[in-house]
Amino acid sequence: MVLAFVALWLAIFLSWTLYYLVCILRDARDTVNGVKKAADAIESAAGHVKDKLGAFMNIASIGAEGVKIFMDKMMVPKGRKKKGE
């Protein structure tokens, strides 16, 4: 009789322990999923910033090339005078 009572309490204890273990693992899974979502959002934002900076750099390089061409045309070589001088 005592052995059956001990077996009953052991089964209850193991069931309760298993229940809490499952709850802890579920919370850990939810936490990991939240971290994954945050990391994906950061990665997406970084990719968006990279794309925007790439587009800006393309425009800036075109502008710089235009300024270079303009300055080359406006520069007067040494030893030569401008027209009309």
Protein backbone atom coordinates (compact mmCIF):
# COMPACT_ATOMS: atom_id res chain seq x y z
CA MET A 1 0.00 0.00 0.00
CA VAL A 2 2.78 2.41 0.91
CA LEU A 3 4.64 1.51 -2.26
CA ALA A 4 1.59 2.40 -4.38
CA PHE A 5 1.28 5.75 -2.58
CA VAL A 6 4.96 6.52 -3.23
CA ALA A 7 4.59 5.55 -6.89
CA LEU A 8 1.56 7.86 -7.18
CA TRP A 9 3.44 10.84 -5.72
CA LEU A 10 6.46 10.08 -7.88
CA ALA A 11 4.25 10.06 -10.98
CA ILE A 12 2.65 13.37 -9.96
CA PHE A 13 6.06 14.92 -9.29
CA LEU A 14 7.46 13.75 -12.64
CA SER A 15 4.37 14.98 -14.49
CA TRP A 16 4.59 18.39 -12.82
CA THR A 17 8.31 18.62 -13.58
CA LEU A 18 7.72 17.69 -17.22
CA TYR A 19 4.96 20.32 -17.46
CA TYR A 20 7.29 23.08 -16.19
CA LEU A 21 10.09 21.90 -18.47
CA VAL A 22 7.76 22.15 -21.48
CA CYS A 23 6.69 25.66 -20.39
CA ILE A 24 10.31 26.76 -20.07
CA LEU A 25 11.18 25.37 -23.50
CA ARG A 26 8.14 27.06 -25.07
CA ASP A 27 9.19 30.41 -23.58
CA ALA A 28 12.73 29.87 -24.83
CA ARG A 29 11.39 29.14 -28.33
CA ASP A 30 9.30 32.31 -28.26
CA THR A 31 12.34 34.31 -27.17
CA VAL A 32 14.50 32.85 -29.92
CA ASN A 33 11.80 33.61 -32.51
CA GLY A 34 11.62 37.21 -31.24
CA VAL A 35 15.39 37.57 -31.56
CA LYS A 36 15.25 36.12 -35.09
CA LYS A 37 12.56 38.62 -36.09
CA ALA A 38 14.59 41.50 -34.65
CA ALA A 39 17.74 40.31 -36.45
CA ASP A 40 15.82 40.00 -39.72
CA ALA A 41 14.46 43.53 -39.29
CA ILE A 42 17.96 44.88 -38.63
CA GLU A 43 19.33 43.02 -41.64
CA SER A 44 16.53 44.34 -43.83
CA ALA A 45 17.12 47.91 -42.64
CA ALA A 46 20.86 47.58 -43.25
CA GLY A 47 20.21 46.30 -46.77
CA HIS A 48 17.85 49.20 -47.42
CA VAL A 49 20.44 51.72 -46.18
CA LYS A 50 23.09 50.03 -48.33
CA ASP A 51 20.88 50.31 -51.41
CA LYS A 52 20.14 53.97 -50.72
CA LEU A 53 23.82 54.77 -50.15
CA GLY A 54 24.74 52.92 -53.33
CA ALA A 55 22.25 54.98 -55.32
CA PHE A 56 23.53 58.19 -53.71
CA MET A 57 27.13 57.26 -54.47
CA ASN A 58 26.25 56.63 -58.13
CA ILE A 59 24.64 60.05 -58.36
CA ALA A 60 27.56 61.65 -56.51
CA SER A 61 30.11 60.00 -58.84
CA ILE A 62 28.21 61.28 -61.88
CA GLY A 63 28.16 64.76 -60.35
CA ALA A 64 31.87 64.60 -59.50
CA GLU A 65 32.67 63.49 -63.04
CA GLY A 66 30.66 66.43 -64.38
CA VAL A 67 32.52 68.86 -62.13
CA LYS A 68 35.84 67.35 -63.24
CA ILE A 69 34.95 67.74 -66.91
CA PHE A 70 33.77 71.31 -66.28
CA MET A 71 36.98 72.20 -64.42
CA ASP A 72 39.13 70.61 -67.14
CA LYS A 73 37.41 72.76 -69.75
CA MET A 74 37.73 75.92 -67.64
CA MET A 75 41.40 75.45 -66.78
CA VAL A 76 43.86 77.33 -68.94
CA PRO A 77 47.11 75.50 -69.65
CA LYS A 78 50.26 77.29 -68.47
CA GLY A 79 51.88 79.39 -71.11
CA ARG A 80 48.66 79.97 -73.00
CA LYS A 81 46.42 82.92 -72.60
CA LYS A 82 42.70 83.04 -72.87
CA LYS A 83 41.17 84.28 -76.05
CA GLY A 84 41.14 88.03 -76.19
CA GLU A 85 44.09 88.66 -73.85
